[in-house]
C-alpha atoms as a PDB file:
ATOM      1  CA  MET A   1    -109.103  84.426 -69.482  1.00  0.00           C
ATOM      2  CA  HIS A   2    -108.053  88.284 -68.669  1.00  0.00           C
ATOM      3  CA  VAL A   3    -109.395  87.622 -65.100  1.00  0.00           C
ATOM      4  CA  PHE A   4    -106.884  84.808 -65.148  1.00  0.00           C
ATOM      5  CA  LEU A   5    -104.108  87.044 -65.872  1.00  0.00           C
ATOM      6  CA  ALA A   6    -105.359  89.586 -63.372  1.00  0.00           C
ATOM      7  CA  LEU A   7    -105.377  87.039 -60.291  1.00  0.00           C
ATOM      8  CA  ALA A   8    -102.081  85.803 -61.420  1.00  0.00           C
ATOM      9  CA  LEU A   9    -100.120  89.129 -62.280  1.00  0.00           C
ATOM     10  CA  VAL A  10    -101.949  89.886 -58.272  1.00  0.00           C
ATOM     11  CA  GLY A  11    -100.296  86.946 -56.951  1.00  0.00           C
ATOM     12  CA  LEU A  12     -96.755  87.557 -58.317  1.00  0.00           C
ATOM     13  CA  CYS A  13     -97.099  90.935 -56.716  1.00  0.00           C
ATOM     14  CA  LEU A  14     -98.050  89.702 -52.839  1.00  0.00           C
ATOM     15  CA  PRO A  15     -95.151  89.217 -50.801  1.00  0.00           C
ATOM     16  CA  SER A  16     -94.503  85.206 -50.206  1.00  0.00           C
ATOM     17  CA  ALA A  17     -93.226  83.416 -47.240  1.00  0.00           C
ATOM     18  CA  ALA A  18     -89.974  83.347 -49.346  1.00  0.00           C
ATOM     19  CA  TYR A  19     -89.771  86.922 -49.911  1.00  0.00           C
ATOM     20  CA  ALA A  20     -90.760  87.847 -46.062  1.00  0.00           C
ATOM     21  CA  GLN A  21     -87.327  85.254 -45.312  1.00  0.00           C
ATOM     22  CA  ARG A  22     -85.207  87.215 -47.923  1.00  0.00           C
ATOM     23  CA  PHE A  23     -86.345  91.097 -46.936  1.00  0.00           C
ATOM     24  CA  VAL A  24     -84.577  92.981 -44.545  1.00  0.00           C
ATOM     25  CA  ASP A  25     -86.231  96.213 -43.845  1.00  0.00           C
ATOM     26  CA  ALA A  26     -82.870  97.531 -42.437  1.00  0.00           C
ATOM     27  CA  GLU A  27     -79.692  97.624 -40.763  1.00  0.00           C
ATOM     28  CA  ILE A  28     -76.707  99.211 -38.896  1.00  0.00           C
ATOM     29  CA  SER A  29     -73.428  98.626 -38.596  1.00  0.00           C
ATOM     30  CA  GLY A  30     -69.898  99.796 -37.241  1.00  0.00           C
ATOM     31  CA  GLY A  31     -66.303  98.798 -37.017  1.00  0.00           C
ATOM     32  CA  GLY A  32     -62.705  99.158 -37.669  1.00  0.00           C
ATOM     33  CA  ALA A  33     -61.219 100.029 -41.216  1.00  0.00           C
ATOM     34  CA  ALA A  34     -57.934 100.101 -42.485  1.00  0.00           C
ATOM     35  CA  PHE A  35     -57.378 103.173 -44.724  1.00  0.00           C
ATOM     36  CA  PHE A  36     -54.261 102.762 -47.311  1.00  0.00           C
ATOM     37  CA  PRO A  37     -53.589 106.010 -49.113  1.00  0.00           C
ATOM     38  CA  GLY A  38     -50.313 105.342 -51.223  1.00  0.00           C
ATOM     39  CA  ASP A  39     -47.564 103.914 -49.223  1.00  0.00           C
ATOM     40  CA  ARG A  40     -49.118 104.503 -45.785  1.00  0.00           C
ATOM     41  CA  VAL A  41     -51.903 102.267 -43.367  1.00  0.00           C
ATOM     42  CA  LEU A  42     -53.964 104.854 -41.560  1.00  0.00           C
ATOM     43  CA  GLY A  43     -56.290 103.366 -38.771  1.00  0.00           C
ATOM     44  CA  GLY A  44     -60.100 104.250 -38.772  1.00  0.00           C
ATOM     45  CA  TRP A  45     -63.807 103.551 -38.356  1.00  0.00           C
ATOM     46  CA  TYR A  46     -67.046 103.390 -39.543  1.00  0.00           C
ATOM     47  CA  ALA A  47     -70.816 103.289 -39.233  1.00  0.00           C
ATOM     48  CA  ASP A  48     -73.470 102.441 -41.978  1.00  0.00           C
ATOM     49  CA  GLY A  49     -77.258 102.047 -42.341  1.00  0.00           C
ATOM     50  CA  MET A  50     -79.380 100.559 -44.791  1.00  0.00           C
ATOM     51  CA  LYS A  51     -83.219 100.750 -45.613  1.00  0.00           C
ATOM     52  CA  SER A  52     -84.711  98.516 -48.441  1.00  0.00           C
ATOM     53  CA  LEU A  53     -86.644 100.100 -51.066  1.00  0.00           C
ATOM     54  CA  VAL A  54     -87.139  96.479 -52.641  1.00  0.00           C
ATOM     55  CA  PRO A  55     -85.933  93.203 -51.444  1.00  0.00           C
ATOM     56  CA  ASP A  56     -82.300  93.605 -52.823  1.00  0.00           C
ATOM     57  CA  THR A  57     -81.970  97.405 -53.564  1.00  0.00           C
ATOM     58  CA  ALA A  58     -81.602  99.992 -50.460  1.00  0.00           C
ATOM     59  CA  VAL A  59     -80.289 103.231 -49.759  1.00  0.00           C
ATOM     60  CA  ALA A  60     -76.859 103.296 -47.704  1.00  0.00           C
ATOM     61  CA  GLY A  61     -75.884 105.960 -45.738  1.00  0.00           C
ATOM     62  CA  GLU A  62     -72.242 106.314 -44.005  1.00  0.00           C
ATOM     63  CA  VAL A  63     -70.140 108.077 -41.654  1.00  0.00           C
ATOM     64  CA  SER A  64     -66.333 107.421 -41.652  1.00  0.00           C
ATOM     65  CA  SER A  65     -62.808 108.309 -40.076  1.00  0.00           C
ATOM     66  CA  TYR A  66     -59.366 107.621 -41.195  1.00  0.00           C
ATOM     67  CA  TYR A  67     -56.127 109.328 -38.872  1.00  0.00           C
ATOM     68  CA  SER A  68     -52.490 109.585 -38.568  1.00  0.00           C
ATOM     69  CA  SER A  69     -50.208 109.398 -35.934  1.00  0.00           C
ATOM     70  CA  GLU A  70     -49.231 112.755 -34.457  1.00  0.00           C
ATOM     71  CA  ARG A  71     -45.632 111.522 -35.287  1.00  0.00           C
ATOM     72  CA  GLU A  72     -45.268 111.140 -38.774  1.00  0.00           C
ATOM     73  CA  PRO A  73     -43.702 113.862 -40.586  1.00  0.00           C
ATOM     74  CA  ARG A  74     -46.822 115.315 -41.814  1.00  0.00           C
ATOM     75  CA  GLY A  75     -48.165 115.991 -38.441  1.00  0.00           C
ATOM     76  CA  ARG A  76     -51.689 114.558 -37.718  1.00  0.00           C
ATOM     77  CA  GLU A  77     -54.117 113.419 -41.159  1.00  0.00           C
ATOM     78  CA  SER A  78     -57.484 112.856 -40.687  1.00  0.00           C
ATOM     79  CA  TRP A  79     -60.786 112.529 -43.113  1.00  0.00           C
ATOM     80  CA  PHE A  80     -64.378 112.310 -41.823  1.00  0.00           C
ATOM     81  CA  ASP A  81     -66.678 111.235 -45.080  1.00  0.00           C
ATOM     82  CA  VAL A  82     -70.143 111.475 -44.758  1.00  0.00           C
ATOM     83  CA  LEU A  83     -71.675 109.372 -47.965  1.00  0.00           C
ATOM     84  CA  GLY A  84     -75.249 108.269 -49.187  1.00  0.00           C
ATOM     85  CA  GLY A  85     -76.561 105.785 -52.024  1.00  0.00           C
ATOM     86  CA  ILE A  86     -77.282 102.594 -53.317  1.00  0.00           C
ATOM     87  CA  ARG A  87     -76.813  99.468 -51.794  1.00  0.00           C
ATOM     88  CA  GLN A  88     -77.416  96.000 -53.910  1.00  0.00           C
ATOM     89  CA  ARG A  89     -77.040  92.121 -52.768  1.00  0.00           C
ATOM     90  CA  LEU A  90     -75.619  90.126 -54.912  1.00  0.00           C
ATOM     91  CA  VAL A  91     -75.687  86.573 -53.252  1.00  0.00           C
ATOM     92  CA  GLN A  92     -78.139  85.672 -50.704  1.00  0.00           C
ATOM     93  CA  ARG A  93     -77.381  82.135 -48.822  1.00  0.00           C
ATOM     94  CA  PRO A  94     -78.081  80.756 -45.646  1.00  0.00           C
ATOM     95  CA  ARG A  95     -74.323  81.764 -44.596  1.00  0.00           C
ATOM     96  CA  VAL A  96     -73.420  84.601 -46.151  1.00  0.00           C
ATOM     97  CA  THR A  97     -75.131  87.886 -47.922  1.00  0.00           C
ATOM     98  CA  VAL A  98     -72.696  89.334 -50.595  1.00  0.00           C
ATOM     99  CA  PHE A  99     -73.611  93.115 -51.357  1.00  0.00           C
ATOM    100  CA  ALA A 100     -72.252  95.745 -54.060  1.00  0.00           C
ATOM    101  CA  GLN A 101     -72.670  99.506 -52.729  1.00  0.00           C
ATOM    102  CA  PHE A 102     -71.704 102.723 -54.879  1.00  0.00           C
ATOM    103  CA  LEU A 103     -71.442 106.117 -52.414  1.00  0.00           C
ATOM    104  CA  ILE A 104     -70.653 109.462 -52.777  1.00  0.00           C
ATOM    105  CA  GLY A 105     -70.602 112.316 -50.646  1.00  0.00           C
ATOM    106  CA  GLY A 106     -67.996 114.806 -49.554  1.00  0.00           C
ATOM    107  CA  THR A 107     -64.782 115.013 -46.591  1.00  0.00           C
ATOM    108  CA  ARG A 108     -62.894 117.118 -44.746  1.00  0.00           C
ATOM    109  CA  TYR A 109     -59.881 116.445 -44.790  1.00  0.00           C
ATOM    110  CA  THR A 110     -57.667 117.997 -41.902  1.00  0.00           C
ATOM    111  CA  GLN A 111     -53.830 118.285 -41.240  1.00  0.00           C
ATOM    112  CA  ARG A 112     -52.319 119.478 -38.101  1.00  0.00           C
ATOM    113  CA  PHE A 113     -48.690 119.981 -36.955  1.00  0.00           C
ATOM    114  CA  SER A 114     -47.849 120.374 -33.321  1.00  0.00           C
ATOM    115  CA  ARG A 115     -44.261 121.664 -34.498  1.00  0.00           C
ATOM    116  CA  PRO A 116     -42.722 124.727 -34.896  1.00  0.00           C
ATOM    117  CA  ALA A 117     -46.239 125.996 -34.150  1.00  0.00           C
ATOM    118  CA  ASN A 118     -49.867 124.317 -33.630  1.00  0.00           C
ATOM    119  CA  PHE A 119     -51.250 124.789 -37.343  1.00  0.00           C
ATOM    120  CA  SER A 120     -53.864 123.415 -39.067  1.00  0.00           C
ATOM    121  CA  ASN A 121     -55.154 123.162 -42.607  1.00  0.00           C
ATOM    122  CA  SER A 122     -58.801 121.856 -43.606  1.00  0.00           C
ATOM    123  CA  LEU A 123     -60.116 121.099 -47.127  1.00  0.00           C
ATOM    124  CA  VAL A 124     -63.900 119.930 -48.560  1.00  0.00           C
ATOM    125  CA  TRP A 125     -63.449 117.167 -50.949  1.00  0.00           C
ATOM    126  CA  VAL A 126     -65.970 115.370 -52.952  1.00  0.00           C
ATOM    127  CA  VAL A 127     -65.859 111.941 -52.623  1.00  0.00           C
ATOM    128  CA  LEU A 128     -66.722 108.526 -54.574  1.00  0.00           C
ATOM    129  CA  LYS A 129     -66.949 105.119 -53.278  1.00  0.00           C
ATOM    130  CA  PRO A 130     -67.594 102.072 -54.441  1.00  0.00           C
ATOM    131  CA  GLY A 131     -67.219  98.549 -52.548  1.00  0.00           C
ATOM    132  CA  LEU A 132     -68.392  95.205 -52.297  1.00  0.00           C
ATOM    133  CA  GLY A 133     -69.174  93.348 -48.850  1.00  0.00           C
ATOM    134  CA  VAL A 134     -70.208  90.111 -47.286  1.00  0.00           C
ATOM    135  CA  ASN A 135     -72.342  89.510 -44.059  1.00  0.00           C
ATOM    136  CA  MET A 136     -71.874  86.316 -42.128  1.00  0.00           C
ATOM    137  CA  PRO A 137     -74.916  85.742 -39.783  1.00  0.00           C
ATOM    138  CA  LEU A 138     -74.077  84.988 -36.234  1.00  0.00           C
ATOM    139  CA  SER A 139     -78.210  84.458 -35.760  1.00  0.00           C
ATOM    140  CA  SER A 140     -81.211  85.934 -37.398  1.00  0.00           C
ATOM    141  CA  ARG A 141     -80.464  89.235 -35.899  1.00  0.00           C
ATOM    142  CA  TRP A 142     -76.714  89.678 -35.906  1.00  0.00           C
ATOM    143  CA  SER A 143     -74.112  89.005 -38.800  1.00  0.00           C
ATOM    144  CA  VAL A 144     -70.033  90.042 -39.304  1.00  0.00           C
ATOM    145  CA  ARG A 145     -69.734  91.825 -41.909  1.00  0.00           C
ATOM    146  CA  LEU A 146     -66.270  91.947 -44.363  1.00  0.00           C
ATOM    147  CA  ARG A 147     -66.179  94.826 -46.592  1.00  0.00           C
ATOM    148  CA  THR A 148     -63.528  96.406 -49.408  1.00  0.00           C
ATOM    149  CA  ASP A 149     -63.709  99.868 -51.031  1.00  0.00           C
ATOM    150  CA  VAL A 150     -62.361 102.418 -53.415  1.00  0.00           C
ATOM    151  CA  ARG A 151     -62.198 105.504 -52.379  1.00  0.00           C
ATOM    152  CA  LEU A 152     -61.977 108.218 -55.069  1.00  0.00           C
ATOM    153  CA  ALA A 153     -61.653 112.409 -53.892  1.00  0.00           C
ATOM    154  CA  ALA A 154     -61.159 115.126 -55.879  1.00  0.00           C
ATOM    155  CA  LYS A 155     -61.552 118.860 -55.441  1.00  0.00           C
ATOM    156  CA  GLY A 156     -60.599 121.111 -58.373  1.00  0.00           C
ATOM    157  CA  GLY A 157     -58.038 119.452 -60.730  1.00  0.00           C
ATOM    158  CA  GLU A 158     -56.565 117.229 -57.882  1.00  0.00           C
ATOM    159  CA  ALA A 159     -57.780 113.910 -57.447  1.00  0.00           C
ATOM    160  CA  THR A 160     -56.624 111.049 -54.889  1.00  0.00           C
ATOM    161  CA  GLY A 161     -57.427 106.993 -54.237  1.00  0.00           C
ATOM    162  CA  ALA A 162     -57.294 104.682 -51.340  1.00  0.00           C
ATOM    163  CA  TRP A 163     -58.120 101.525 -50.584  1.00  0.00           C
ATOM    164  CA  ILE A 164     -59.819 100.174 -47.503  1.00  0.00           C
ATOM    165  CA  LEU A 165     -60.512  97.165 -45.423  1.00  0.00           C
ATOM    166  CA  GLY A 166     -62.971  97.106 -42.873  1.00  0.00           C
ATOM    167  CA  SER A 167     -64.885  94.344 -40.681  1.00  0.00           C
ATOM    168  CA  GLY A 168     -67.775  95.323 -37.859  1.00  0.00           C
ATOM    169  CA  ILE A 169     -70.701  94.226 -36.306  1.00  0.00           C
ATOM    170  CA  VAL A 170     -74.108  94.179 -38.684  1.00  0.00           C
ATOM    171  CA  GLY A 171     -77.440  94.306 -36.692  1.00  0.00           C
ATOM    172  CA  ARG A 172     -80.735  93.912 -38.493  1.00  0.00           C
ATOM    173  CA  LEU A 173     -83.902  96.095 -37.741  1.00  0.00           C
ATOM    174  CA  GLY A 174     -87.782  94.913 -38.422  1.00  0.00           C
ATOM    175  CA  ARG A 175     -88.397  91.154 -38.694  1.00  0.00           C
ATOM    176  CA  PRO A 176     -85.810  88.661 -37.757  1.00  0.00           C
END
């Protein structure tokens, strides 16, 4: 009886064909994003990557930047984020994969004025960024991604929030 239980436990731990089909070793993604800090809309981009730890959980990293135009009364504002955290796959279907992620890191906020003089102000903030995303496969290696995040930034007693919508292309690395 003990031998049977030990063999059954080993059998459950070994990868199966279904496991291999679901498991994504790693992926990279990049695309555009709309950044909504308050009543404004700013443009931007993101690039991210993830490496699976187990079938449904991965470590993730992201760099992103959001910026305003020079014509705004506030001057040109820009944010550059470097974040890392955990990504959890919630739903896996043939035509859609849904994931949630929680990222933490830092951002560099810069404000530049061209008038009356060339002036720049730069600050570093701590950022928390929970989000949801959907990947829709185009092939075994490529997908389209739609994502939304809430971005919370803090420095000292000051805090700010923003909502982000993004879309991009995802490339799978490892097994197809």
